Amino acid sequence: MKKYIITFFVLVVLGLIGNSVYTQMTKDKVPGKVKRLDCHKKTTAFERGYGLEDIQEAQELLVHGNYRIISGIDKATYMKSSLFDFVDMEKLDKNFAYFLLQKVENERKKDEIVQVEYKVYENDKEDPKKKSDNCKLFRGYVVMKFKNQNNKVVYQIQIDFMDTQGKDIPQTLECAVESFLTYKGN
């Protein structure tokens, strides 16, 4: 009987140690959360690729100047929206277009294009669906999608921005593009 009790306690202790080690190893492992680039380390970023071959083709199209930009906004609804009092989307679009132009290595026009869609979301801190106070720490986030000729999303990234007036949105957009261009799959 004493032998069974000792075996039981040893198994319980080993189980607790194993669970502790597993928890420590996986506590920051959120699916899709990335820290590949320096810009990912400054804030929270989630990315997802849909088919490496499609992504590589879209990357090629972008660096050869075959792209179209579409942008949008999503204002807060539960709290008074104020972000877009400071953010001029027309100016942001022009700056982003200029940034993308700098990424073109050697222009080779094709009939195919990659569609670069981005949307700036204002963090609605009064939204009753917010799960924790951590959801209220950032000012907003950008979702950028890269779509192929068939309107299929081949890569998507979401990155938070912190500045109350959205002054860091241009850097967030640049980080999203760098993430796409350096993506090699999981």
N, C-alpha and C. Protein backbone atom coordinates (compact mmCIF):
# COMPACT_ATOMS: atom_id res chain seq x y z
N MET A 1 0.83 -1.19 0.00
CA MET A 1 0.00 0.00 0.00
C MET A 1 0.88 1.26 0.00
N LYS A 2 1.93 1.24 0.84
CA LYS A 2 2.84 2.37 0.93
C LYS A 2 3.51 2.62 -0.42
N LYS A 3 3.82 1.55 -1.13
CA LYS A 3 4.46 1.64 -2.44
C LYS A 3 3.54 2.36 -3.45
N TYR A 4 2.24 2.10 -3.41
CA TYR A 4 1.27 2.73 -4.30
C TYR A 4 1.11 4.22 -3.99
N ILE A 5 1.12 4.56 -2.72
CA ILE A 5 0.99 5.97 -2.31
C ILE A 5 2.20 6.76 -2.79
N ILE A 6 3.41 6.21 -2.62
CA ILE A 6 4.62 6.89 -3.06
C ILE A 6 4.61 7.06 -4.59
N THR A 7 4.22 6.00 -5.30
CA THR A 7 4.13 6.06 -6.76
C THR A 7 3.12 7.13 -7.19
N PHE A 8 1.99 7.18 -6.50
CA PHE A 8 0.96 8.17 -6.81
C PHE A 8 1.52 9.59 -6.64
N PHE A 9 2.19 9.87 -5.52
CA PHE A 9 2.75 11.20 -5.27
C PHE A 9 3.84 11.56 -6.28
N VAL A 10 4.67 10.60 -6.65
CA VAL A 10 5.71 10.84 -7.64
C VAL A 10 5.07 11.21 -8.98
N LEU A 11 4.03 10.48 -9.37
CA LEU A 11 3.34 10.78 -10.62
C LEU A 11 2.68 12.16 -10.59
N VAL A 12 2.08 12.51 -9.45
CA VAL A 12 1.45 13.83 -9.31
C VAL A 12 2.50 14.93 -9.43
N VAL A 13 3.64 14.78 -8.75
CA VAL A 13 4.71 15.78 -8.81
C VAL A 13 5.25 15.89 -10.23
N LEU A 14 5.49 14.76 -10.89
CA LEU A 14 5.96 14.79 -12.27
C LEU A 14 4.93 15.46 -13.19
N GLY A 15 3.67 15.19 -12.97
CA GLY A 15 2.61 15.82 -13.75
C GLY A 15 2.59 17.32 -13.56
N LEU A 16 2.74 17.78 -12.32
CA LEU A 16 2.77 19.22 -12.04
C LEU A 16 3.98 19.88 -12.68
N ILE A 17 5.12 19.25 -12.59
CA ILE A 17 6.35 19.80 -13.20
C ILE A 17 6.18 19.86 -14.71
N GLY A 18 5.68 18.79 -15.31
CA GLY A 18 5.47 18.76 -16.77
C GLY A 18 4.48 19.82 -17.22
N ASN A 19 3.40 20.00 -16.46
CA ASN A 19 2.40 21.02 -16.79
C ASN A 19 3.01 22.42 -16.68
N SER A 20 3.82 22.64 -15.66
CA SER A 20 4.48 23.94 -15.46
C SER A 20 5.43 24.26 -16.62
N VAL A 21 6.21 23.28 -17.02
CA VAL A 21 7.15 23.48 -18.13
C VAL A 21 6.37 23.76 -19.41
N TYR A 22 5.32 23.00 -19.67
CA TYR A 22 4.50 23.20 -20.87
C TYR A 22 3.86 24.59 -20.87
N THR A 23 3.34 25.02 -19.73
CA THR A 23 2.71 26.34 -19.62
C THR A 23 3.72 27.44 -19.89
N GLN A 24 4.92 27.33 -19.35
CA GLN A 24 5.96 28.34 -19.58
C GLN A 24 6.36 28.40 -21.05
N MET A 25 6.43 27.27 -21.69
CA MET A 25 6.85 27.22 -23.09
C MET A 25 5.79 27.78 -24.03
N THR A 26 4.52 27.68 -23.67
CA THR A 26 3.45 28.07 -24.59
C THR A 26 2.68 29.31 -24.16
N LYS A 27 3.07 29.96 -23.07
CA LYS A 27 2.22 31.05 -22.58
C LYS A 27 2.15 32.23 -23.52
N ASP A 28 3.17 32.52 -24.32
CA ASP A 28 3.13 33.62 -25.26
C ASP A 28 2.84 33.17 -26.68
N LYS A 29 2.48 31.93 -26.84
CA LYS A 29 2.25 31.38 -28.18
C LYS A 29 0.77 31.52 -28.55
N VAL A 30 0.41 32.66 -29.09
CA VAL A 30 -0.94 32.88 -29.57
C VAL A 30 -0.92 32.57 -31.06
N PRO A 31 -1.84 31.75 -31.56
CA PRO A 31 -1.83 31.40 -32.97
C PRO A 31 -1.82 32.64 -33.86
N GLY A 32 -0.89 32.68 -34.79
CA GLY A 32 -0.80 33.80 -35.73
C GLY A 32 -0.01 34.99 -35.23
N LYS A 33 0.23 35.06 -33.91
CA LYS A 33 0.97 36.20 -33.36
C LYS A 33 2.43 36.09 -33.79
N VAL A 34 2.98 37.21 -34.27
CA VAL A 34 4.33 37.17 -34.82
C VAL A 34 5.25 38.18 -34.15
N LYS A 35 6.53 37.84 -34.21
CA LYS A 35 7.59 38.74 -33.76
C LYS A 35 8.81 38.55 -34.66
N ARG A 36 8.56 38.32 -35.98
CA ARG A 36 9.65 38.07 -36.92
C ARG A 36 10.49 39.31 -37.17
N LEU A 37 9.86 40.47 -37.25
CA LEU A 37 10.54 41.71 -37.58
C LEU A 37 10.59 42.62 -36.36
N ASP A 38 11.50 43.57 -36.36
CA ASP A 38 11.59 44.51 -35.24
C ASP A 38 10.28 45.26 -35.02
N CYS A 39 9.61 45.62 -36.11
CA CYS A 39 8.35 46.36 -35.97
C CYS A 39 7.25 45.52 -35.31
N HIS A 40 7.35 44.20 -35.35
CA HIS A 40 6.38 43.34 -34.67
C HIS A 40 6.58 43.37 -33.16
N LYS A 41 7.79 43.64 -32.74
CA LYS A 41 8.12 43.59 -31.32
C LYS A 41 7.64 44.83 -30.58
N LYS A 42 7.34 45.91 -31.32
CA LYS A 42 6.91 47.16 -30.70
C LYS A 42 5.43 47.14 -30.34
N THR A 43 4.68 46.26 -30.94
CA THR A 43 3.24 46.19 -30.71
C THR A 43 2.76 44.77 -30.99
N THR A 44 1.48 44.57 -31.08
CA THR A 44 0.94 43.24 -31.34
C THR A 44 0.62 43.10 -32.83
N ALA A 45 1.05 41.98 -33.39
CA ALA A 45 0.80 41.72 -34.81
C ALA A 45 0.39 40.26 -34.98
N PHE A 46 -0.59 40.05 -35.84
CA PHE A 46 -1.05 38.71 -36.21
C PHE A 46 -1.00 38.61 -37.72
N GLU A 47 -0.47 37.51 -38.22
CA GLU A 47 -0.42 37.33 -39.67
C GLU A 47 -0.88 35.93 -40.04
N ARG A 48 -1.30 35.82 -41.30
CA ARG A 48 -1.68 34.51 -41.80
C ARG A 48 -1.50 34.49 -43.31
N GLY A 49 -0.87 33.44 -43.78
CA GLY A 49 -0.67 33.24 -45.21
C GLY A 49 -1.57 32.13 -45.71
N TYR A 50 -1.98 32.23 -46.96
CA TYR A 50 -2.88 31.25 -47.57
C TYR A 50 -2.27 30.72 -48.87
N GLY A 51 -1.35 29.81 -48.74
CA GLY A 51 -0.74 29.20 -49.92
C GLY A 51 0.54 29.90 -50.33
N LEU A 52 1.65 29.26 -50.05
CA LEU A 52 2.96 29.86 -50.28
C LEU A 52 3.18 30.23 -51.75
N GLU A 53 2.73 29.40 -52.65
CA GLU A 53 2.91 29.70 -54.07
C GLU A 53 2.15 30.97 -54.46
N ASP A 54 0.92 31.11 -53.97
CA ASP A 54 0.12 32.32 -54.24
C ASP A 54 0.78 33.56 -53.63
N ILE A 55 1.34 33.39 -52.45
CA ILE A 55 2.01 34.52 -51.78
C ILE A 55 3.23 34.96 -52.57
N GLN A 56 4.03 34.00 -53.00
CA GLN A 56 5.23 34.34 -53.77
C GLN A 56 4.87 35.05 -55.06
N GLU A 57 3.82 34.61 -55.71
CA GLU A 57 3.36 35.26 -56.93
C GLU A 57 2.92 36.70 -56.64
N ALA A 58 2.20 36.89 -55.55
CA ALA A 58 1.74 38.24 -55.16
C ALA A 58 2.92 39.13 -54.79
N GLN A 59 3.92 38.57 -54.12
CA GLN A 59 5.12 39.34 -53.79
C GLN A 59 5.82 39.81 -55.06
N GLU A 60 5.93 38.91 -56.04
CA GLU A 60 6.55 39.26 -57.33
C GLU A 60 5.78 40.39 -58.01
N LEU A 61 4.46 40.27 -58.02
CA LEU A 61 3.65 41.31 -58.66
C LEU A 61 3.88 42.66 -57.99
N LEU A 62 3.95 42.67 -56.68
CA LEU A 62 4.14 43.92 -55.94
C LEU A 62 5.48 44.56 -56.26
N VAL A 63 6.56 43.79 -56.21
CA VAL A 63 7.88 44.37 -56.43
C VAL A 63 8.12 44.74 -57.91
N HIS A 64 7.23 44.29 -58.79
CA HIS A 64 7.34 44.68 -60.20
C HIS A 64 6.32 45.76 -60.56
N GLY A 65 5.64 46.30 -59.54
CA GLY A 65 4.76 47.44 -59.75
C GLY A 65 3.37 47.11 -60.22
N ASN A 66 2.96 45.88 -60.05
CA ASN A 66 1.63 45.45 -60.49
C ASN A 66 0.69 45.31 -59.29
N TYR A 67 0.21 46.44 -58.82
CA TYR A 67 -0.65 46.43 -57.64
C TYR A 67 -1.68 47.55 -57.73
N ARG A 68 -2.71 47.40 -56.93
CA ARG A 68 -3.75 48.42 -56.77
C ARG A 68 -4.01 48.55 -55.27
N ILE A 69 -4.20 49.78 -54.81
CA ILE A 69 -4.42 50.06 -53.39
C ILE A 69 -5.89 50.41 -53.16
N ILE A 70 -6.45 49.83 -52.12
CA ILE A 70 -7.81 50.17 -51.67
C ILE A 70 -7.72 50.37 -50.16
N SER A 71 -8.32 51.45 -49.68
CA SER A 71 -8.27 51.72 -48.23
C SER A 71 -9.66 51.99 -47.69
N GLY A 72 -9.76 51.93 -46.37
CA GLY A 72 -11.02 52.21 -45.71
C GLY A 72 -10.81 52.49 -44.24
N ILE A 73 -11.89 52.88 -43.58
CA ILE A 73 -11.83 53.17 -42.15
C ILE A 73 -13.00 52.49 -41.45
N ASP A 74 -12.85 52.32 -40.15
CA ASP A 74 -13.93 51.81 -39.31
C ASP A 74 -13.88 52.60 -38.01
N LYS A 75 -14.84 53.50 -37.83
CA LYS A 75 -14.87 54.36 -36.64
C LYS A 75 -15.50 53.62 -35.46
N ALA A 76 -15.18 54.11 -34.27
CA ALA A 76 -15.79 53.58 -33.05
C ALA A 76 -17.29 53.88 -33.08
N THR A 77 -18.08 52.96 -32.53
CA THR A 77 -19.53 53.18 -32.50
C THR A 77 -20.06 53.32 -31.08
N TYR A 78 -19.42 52.68 -30.12
CA TYR A 78 -19.91 52.74 -28.73
C TYR A 78 -19.35 53.93 -27.97
N MET A 79 -18.26 54.48 -28.43
CA MET A 79 -17.69 55.69 -27.81
C MET A 79 -17.62 56.77 -28.89
N LYS A 80 -17.41 58.00 -28.47
CA LYS A 80 -17.30 59.10 -29.43
C LYS A 80 -16.03 58.89 -30.26
N SER A 81 -16.21 58.85 -31.55
CA SER A 81 -15.09 58.66 -32.46
C SER A 81 -14.30 59.95 -32.56
N SER A 82 -12.96 59.83 -32.45
CA SER A 82 -12.12 61.03 -32.56
C SER A 82 -10.85 60.79 -33.39
N LEU A 83 -10.50 59.55 -33.65
CA LEU A 83 -9.26 59.24 -34.35
C LEU A 83 -9.18 59.94 -35.70
N PHE A 84 -10.28 59.93 -36.44
CA PHE A 84 -10.25 60.45 -37.80
C PHE A 84 -10.40 61.97 -37.85
N ASP A 85 -10.45 62.60 -36.67
CA ASP A 85 -10.29 64.06 -36.60
C ASP A 85 -8.82 64.41 -36.84
N PHE A 86 -7.93 63.46 -36.54
CA PHE A 86 -6.49 63.67 -36.68
C PHE A 86 -5.90 63.00 -37.92
N VAL A 87 -6.51 61.91 -38.35
CA VAL A 87 -5.98 61.13 -39.47
C VAL A 87 -6.65 61.56 -40.77
N ASP A 88 -5.86 62.07 -41.70
CA ASP A 88 -6.32 62.47 -43.02
C ASP A 88 -6.07 61.28 -43.96
N MET A 89 -7.12 60.56 -44.29
CA MET A 89 -6.98 59.34 -45.09
C MET A 89 -6.44 59.63 -46.49
N GLU A 90 -6.79 60.76 -47.06
CA GLU A 90 -6.28 61.10 -48.39
C GLU A 90 -4.75 61.25 -48.34
N LYS A 91 -4.27 61.93 -47.33
CA LYS A 91 -2.83 62.11 -47.15
C LYS A 91 -2.16 60.76 -46.84
N LEU A 92 -2.80 59.97 -46.00
CA LEU A 92 -2.27 58.65 -45.65
C LEU A 92 -2.17 57.77 -46.89
N ASP A 93 -3.20 57.80 -47.74
CA ASP A 93 -3.19 57.02 -48.99
C ASP A 93 -2.05 57.45 -49.91
N LYS A 94 -1.82 58.76 -50.02
CA LYS A 94 -0.75 59.27 -50.87
C LYS A 94 0.62 58.84 -50.34
N ASN A 95 0.80 58.96 -49.03
CA ASN A 95 2.08 58.54 -48.42
C ASN A 95 2.30 57.05 -48.58
N PHE A 96 1.24 56.27 -48.43
CA PHE A 96 1.35 54.82 -48.58
C PHE A 96 1.67 54.46 -50.03
N ALA A 97 1.02 55.13 -50.97
CA ALA A 97 1.30 54.87 -52.40
C ALA A 97 2.76 55.18 -52.71
N TYR A 98 3.27 56.26 -52.15
CA TYR A 98 4.68 56.63 -52.37
C TYR A 98 5.59 55.57 -51.75
N PHE A 99 5.25 55.09 -50.56
CA PHE A 99 6.05 54.04 -49.91
C PHE A 99 6.08 52.78 -50.79
N LEU A 100 4.93 52.37 -51.30
CA LEU A 100 4.87 51.17 -52.14
C LEU A 100 5.69 51.37 -53.42
N LEU A 101 5.65 52.56 -53.96
CA LEU A 101 6.43 52.85 -55.16
C LEU A 101 7.92 52.63 -54.91
N GLN A 102 8.37 52.91 -53.69
CA GLN A 102 9.78 52.70 -53.33
C GLN A 102 10.13 51.21 -53.28
N LYS A 103 9.15 50.36 -53.14
CA LYS A 103 9.38 48.91 -53.07
C LYS A 103 9.50 48.27 -54.45
N VAL A 104 9.13 49.03 -55.48
CA VAL A 104 9.20 48.49 -56.85
C VAL A 104 10.67 48.44 -57.25
N GLU A 105 11.15 47.23 -57.54
CA GLU A 105 12.56 47.03 -57.88
C GLU A 105 12.81 47.26 -59.36
N ASN A 106 12.07 46.62 -60.18
CA ASN A 106 12.16 46.89 -61.62
C ASN A 106 10.78 46.62 -62.19
N GLU A 107 10.23 47.69 -62.73
CA GLU A 107 8.85 47.63 -63.18
C GLU A 107 8.71 46.73 -64.40
N ARG A 108 7.78 45.78 -64.30
CA ARG A 108 7.43 44.88 -65.40
C ARG A 108 5.91 44.78 -65.41
N LYS A 109 5.28 45.56 -66.22
CA LYS A 109 3.82 45.58 -66.24
C LYS A 109 3.25 44.27 -66.77
N LYS A 110 2.25 43.79 -66.05
CA LYS A 110 1.53 42.58 -66.43
C LYS A 110 0.04 42.87 -66.37
N ASP A 111 -0.74 41.97 -66.91
CA ASP A 111 -2.19 42.11 -66.81
C ASP A 111 -2.66 41.79 -65.40
N GLU A 112 -1.94 40.91 -64.73
CA GLU A 112 -2.30 40.53 -63.36
C GLU A 112 -1.83 41.58 -62.38
N ILE A 113 -2.56 41.72 -61.30
CA ILE A 113 -2.16 42.63 -60.23
C ILE A 113 -2.38 41.95 -58.89
N VAL A 114 -1.74 42.49 -57.86
CA VAL A 114 -2.06 42.13 -56.49
C VAL A 114 -2.81 43.33 -55.92
N GLN A 115 -3.92 43.04 -55.28
CA GLN A 115 -4.71 44.11 -54.67
C GLN A 115 -4.29 44.25 -53.21
N VAL A 116 -3.86 45.44 -52.83
CA VAL A 116 -3.43 45.73 -51.46
C VAL A 116 -4.56 46.51 -50.80
N GLU A 117 -5.27 45.84 -49.89
CA GLU A 117 -6.38 46.48 -49.18
C GLU A 117 -5.97 46.70 -47.73
N TYR A 118 -6.18 47.91 -47.27
CA TYR A 118 -5.96 48.14 -45.85
C TYR A 118 -7.11 48.94 -45.27
N LYS A 119 -7.39 48.65 -44.02
CA LYS A 119 -8.46 49.34 -43.31
C LYS A 119 -7.93 49.74 -41.94
N VAL A 120 -8.18 51.00 -41.58
CA VAL A 120 -7.77 51.53 -40.28
C VAL A 120 -8.97 51.47 -39.36
N TYR A 121 -8.82 50.72 -38.27
CA TYR A 121 -9.88 50.54 -37.29
C TYR A 121 -9.57 51.37 -36.04
N GLU A 122 -10.56 52.13 -35.61
CA GLU A 122 -10.43 52.84 -34.33
C GLU A 122 -10.83 51.88 -33.23
N ASN A 123 -9.99 51.76 -32.20
CA ASN A 123 -10.31 50.88 -31.08
C ASN A 123 -11.48 51.46 -30.32
N ASP A 124 -12.58 50.74 -30.29
CA ASP A 124 -13.78 51.17 -29.59
C ASP A 124 -13.73 50.64 -28.15
N LYS A 125 -13.17 51.46 -27.28
CA LYS A 125 -12.91 51.04 -25.90
C LYS A 125 -14.19 50.82 -25.09
N GLU A 126 -15.31 51.32 -25.57
CA GLU A 126 -16.59 51.14 -24.88
C GLU A 126 -17.38 49.93 -25.39
N ASP A 127 -16.84 49.22 -26.35
CA ASP A 127 -17.51 48.06 -26.92
C ASP A 127 -17.72 47.01 -25.83
N PRO A 128 -18.95 46.60 -25.58
CA PRO A 128 -19.21 45.62 -24.51
C PRO A 128 -18.62 44.24 -24.78
N LYS A 129 -18.20 43.98 -26.02
CA LYS A 129 -17.61 42.67 -26.35
C LYS A 129 -16.12 42.60 -26.01
N LYS A 130 -15.53 43.71 -25.57
CA LYS A 130 -14.11 43.69 -25.19
C LYS A 130 -13.95 42.73 -24.01
N LYS A 131 -13.00 41.81 -24.15
CA LYS A 131 -12.85 40.73 -23.17
C LYS A 131 -12.01 41.12 -21.97
N SER A 132 -11.07 42.05 -22.15
CA SER A 132 -10.19 42.40 -21.04
C SER A 132 -9.73 43.85 -21.18
N ASP A 133 -9.10 44.36 -20.14
CA ASP A 133 -8.56 45.71 -20.19
C ASP A 133 -7.40 45.82 -21.16
N ASN A 134 -6.74 44.69 -21.47
CA ASN A 134 -5.65 44.71 -22.45
C ASN A 134 -6.15 45.16 -23.82
N CYS A 135 -7.42 44.93 -24.10
CA CYS A 135 -8.00 45.33 -25.38
C CYS A 135 -8.14 46.85 -25.49
N LYS A 136 -7.96 47.54 -24.38
CA LYS A 136 -8.14 48.98 -24.37
C LYS A 136 -6.82 49.74 -24.37
N LEU A 137 -5.70 49.03 -24.48
CA LEU A 137 -4.39 49.66 -24.38
C LEU A 137 -3.94 50.33 -25.68
N PHE A 138 -4.45 49.92 -26.81
CA PHE A 138 -4.00 50.47 -28.08
C PHE A 138 -5.05 51.42 -28.65
N ARG A 139 -4.64 52.29 -29.55
CA ARG A 139 -5.54 53.31 -30.12
C ARG A 139 -6.37 52.74 -31.25
N GLY A 140 -5.79 51.79 -31.95
CA GLY A 140 -6.49 51.18 -33.06
C GLY A 140 -5.62 50.13 -33.72
N TYR A 141 -6.05 49.66 -34.86
CA TYR A 141 -5.25 48.66 -35.57
C TYR A 141 -5.52 48.76 -37.06
N VAL A 142 -4.58 48.22 -37.80
CA VAL A 142 -4.68 48.17 -39.26
C VAL A 142 -4.79 46.71 -39.67
N VAL A 143 -5.71 46.42 -40.54
CA VAL A 143 -5.80 45.10 -41.18
C VAL A 143 -5.45 45.31 -42.64
N MET A 144 -4.42 44.59 -43.09
CA MET A 144 -4.01 44.68 -44.49
C MET A 144 -4.14 43.30 -45.13
N LYS A 145 -4.77 43.28 -46.29
CA LYS A 145 -4.96 42.04 -47.04
C LYS A 145 -4.33 42.20 -48.41
N PHE A 146 -3.71 41.13 -48.86
CA PHE A 146 -3.16 41.06 -50.21
C PHE A 146 -3.98 40.02 -50.95
N LYS A 147 -4.62 40.45 -52.05
CA LYS A 147 -5.51 39.57 -52.80
C LYS A 147 -4.98 39.36 -54.21
N ASN A 148 -5.18 38.13 -54.70
CA ASN A 148 -4.74 37.81 -56.06
C ASN A 148 -5.79 38.24 -57.08
N GLN A 149 -5.54 37.90 -58.33
CA GLN A 149 -6.41 38.27 -59.45
C GLN A 149 -7.83 37.75 -59.28
N ASN A 150 -7.98 36.64 -58.57
CA ASN A 150 -9.30 36.04 -58.36
C ASN A 150 -9.98 36.56 -57.10
N ASN A 151 -9.45 37.64 -56.54
CA ASN A 151 -9.98 38.27 -55.33
C ASN A 151 -9.86 37.35 -54.10
N LYS A 152 -8.91 36.43 -54.15
CA LYS A 152 -8.67 35.52 -53.03
C LYS A 152 -7.57 36.12 -52.15
N VAL A 153 -7.82 36.17 -50.84
CA VAL A 153 -6.81 36.67 -49.91
C VAL A 153 -5.68 35.65 -49.84
N VAL A 154 -4.46 36.11 -50.11
CA VAL A 154 -3.30 35.22 -50.04
C VAL A 154 -2.48 35.48 -48.78
N TYR A 155 -2.62 36.68 -48.22
CA TYR A 155 -1.89 37.04 -47.00
C TYR A 155 -2.68 38.13 -46.28
N GLN A 156 -2.71 38.03 -44.95
CA GLN A 156 -3.41 39.03 -44.15
C GLN A 156 -2.63 39.29 -42.87
N ILE A 157 -2.57 40.54 -42.47
CA ILE A 157 -1.89 40.92 -41.24
C ILE A 157 -2.72 41.97 -40.51
N GLN A 158 -2.69 41.88 -39.18
CA GLN A 158 -3.33 42.88 -38.32
C GLN A 158 -2.26 43.38 -37.37
N ILE A 159 -2.10 44.71 -37.29
CA ILE A 159 -1.10 45.31 -36.42
C ILE A 159 -1.73 46.46 -35.66
N ASP A 160 -1.52 46.49 -34.34
CA ASP A 160 -2.00 47.58 -33.51
C ASP A 160 -1.15 48.82 -33.70
N PHE A 161 -1.75 49.99 -33.48
CA PHE A 161 -0.98 51.23 -33.38
C PHE A 161 -1.38 51.91 -32.07
N MET A 162 -0.48 52.72 -31.52
CA MET A 162 -0.64 53.22 -30.15
C MET A 162 -0.94 54.72 -30.04
N ASP A 163 -0.41 55.53 -30.94
CA ASP A 163 -0.50 56.97 -30.80
C ASP A 163 -1.96 57.44 -30.81
N THR A 164 -2.31 58.31 -29.87
CA THR A 164 -3.70 58.75 -29.73
C THR A 164 -4.20 59.52 -30.96
N GLN A 165 -3.27 60.14 -31.69
CA GLN A 165 -3.64 60.86 -32.90
C GLN A 165 -3.32 60.06 -34.17
N GLY A 166 -2.89 58.84 -34.00
CA GLY A 166 -2.61 57.97 -35.14
C GLY A 166 -1.35 58.32 -35.91
N LYS A 167 -0.43 59.01 -35.27
CA LYS A 167 0.80 59.41 -35.95
C LYS A 167 1.67 58.23 -36.35
N ASP A 168 1.47 57.07 -35.71
CA ASP A 168 2.26 55.89 -36.02
C ASP A 168 1.59 54.98 -37.06
N ILE A 169 0.48 55.40 -37.66
CA ILE A 169 -0.18 54.59 -38.67
C ILE A 169 0.71 54.39 -39.90
N PRO A 170 1.40 55.43 -40.41
CA PRO A 170 2.28 55.18 -41.57
C PRO A 170 3.33 54.10 -41.31
N GLN A 171 3.92 54.09 -40.12
CA GLN A 171 4.90 53.05 -39.79
C GLN A 171 4.22 51.69 -39.68
N THR A 172 2.98 51.67 -39.23
CA THR A 172 2.23 50.42 -39.14
C THR A 172 1.98 49.86 -40.53
N LEU A 173 1.62 50.72 -41.47
CA LEU A 173 1.40 50.28 -42.86
C LEU A 173 2.70 49.75 -43.46
N GLU A 174 3.80 50.46 -43.21
CA GLU A 174 5.10 50.02 -43.72
C GLU A 174 5.47 48.66 -43.13
N CYS A 175 5.20 48.47 -41.85
CA CYS A 175 5.49 47.19 -41.19
C CYS A 175 4.66 46.08 -41.84
N ALA A 176 3.41 46.36 -42.16
CA ALA A 176 2.55 45.35 -42.79
C ALA A 176 3.10 44.92 -44.14
N VAL A 177 3.57 45.88 -44.92
CA VAL A 177 4.13 45.56 -46.24
C VAL A 177 5.43 44.77 -46.09
N GLU A 178 6.29 45.20 -45.17
CA GLU A 178 7.55 44.46 -44.92
C GLU A 178 7.25 43.03 -44.47
N SER A 179 6.21 42.88 -43.67
CA SER A 179 5.82 41.54 -43.21
C SER A 179 5.42 40.68 -44.38
N PHE A 180 4.63 41.25 -45.29
CA PHE A 180 4.20 40.51 -46.48
C PHE A 180 5.40 40.13 -47.35
N LEU A 181 6.26 41.10 -47.61
CA LEU A 181 7.38 40.85 -48.51
C LEU A 181 8.40 39.86 -47.96
N THR A 182 8.47 39.73 -46.63
CA THR A 182 9.44 38.82 -46.02
C THR A 182 8.80 37.50 -45.59
N TYR A 183 7.53 37.34 -45.83
CA TYR A 183 6.81 36.12 -45.40
C TYR A 183 7.27 34.93 -46.24
N LYS A 184 7.69 33.88 -45.56
CA LYS A 184 8.14 32.66 -46.24
C LYS A 184 7.32 31.44 -45.85
N GLY A 185 6.25 31.64 -45.13
CA GLY A 185 5.43 30.53 -44.65
C GLY A 185 5.75 30.20 -43.21
N ASN A 186 4.95 29.33 -42.65
CA ASN A 186 5.12 28.97 -41.23
C ASN A 186 6.20 27.97 -41.01
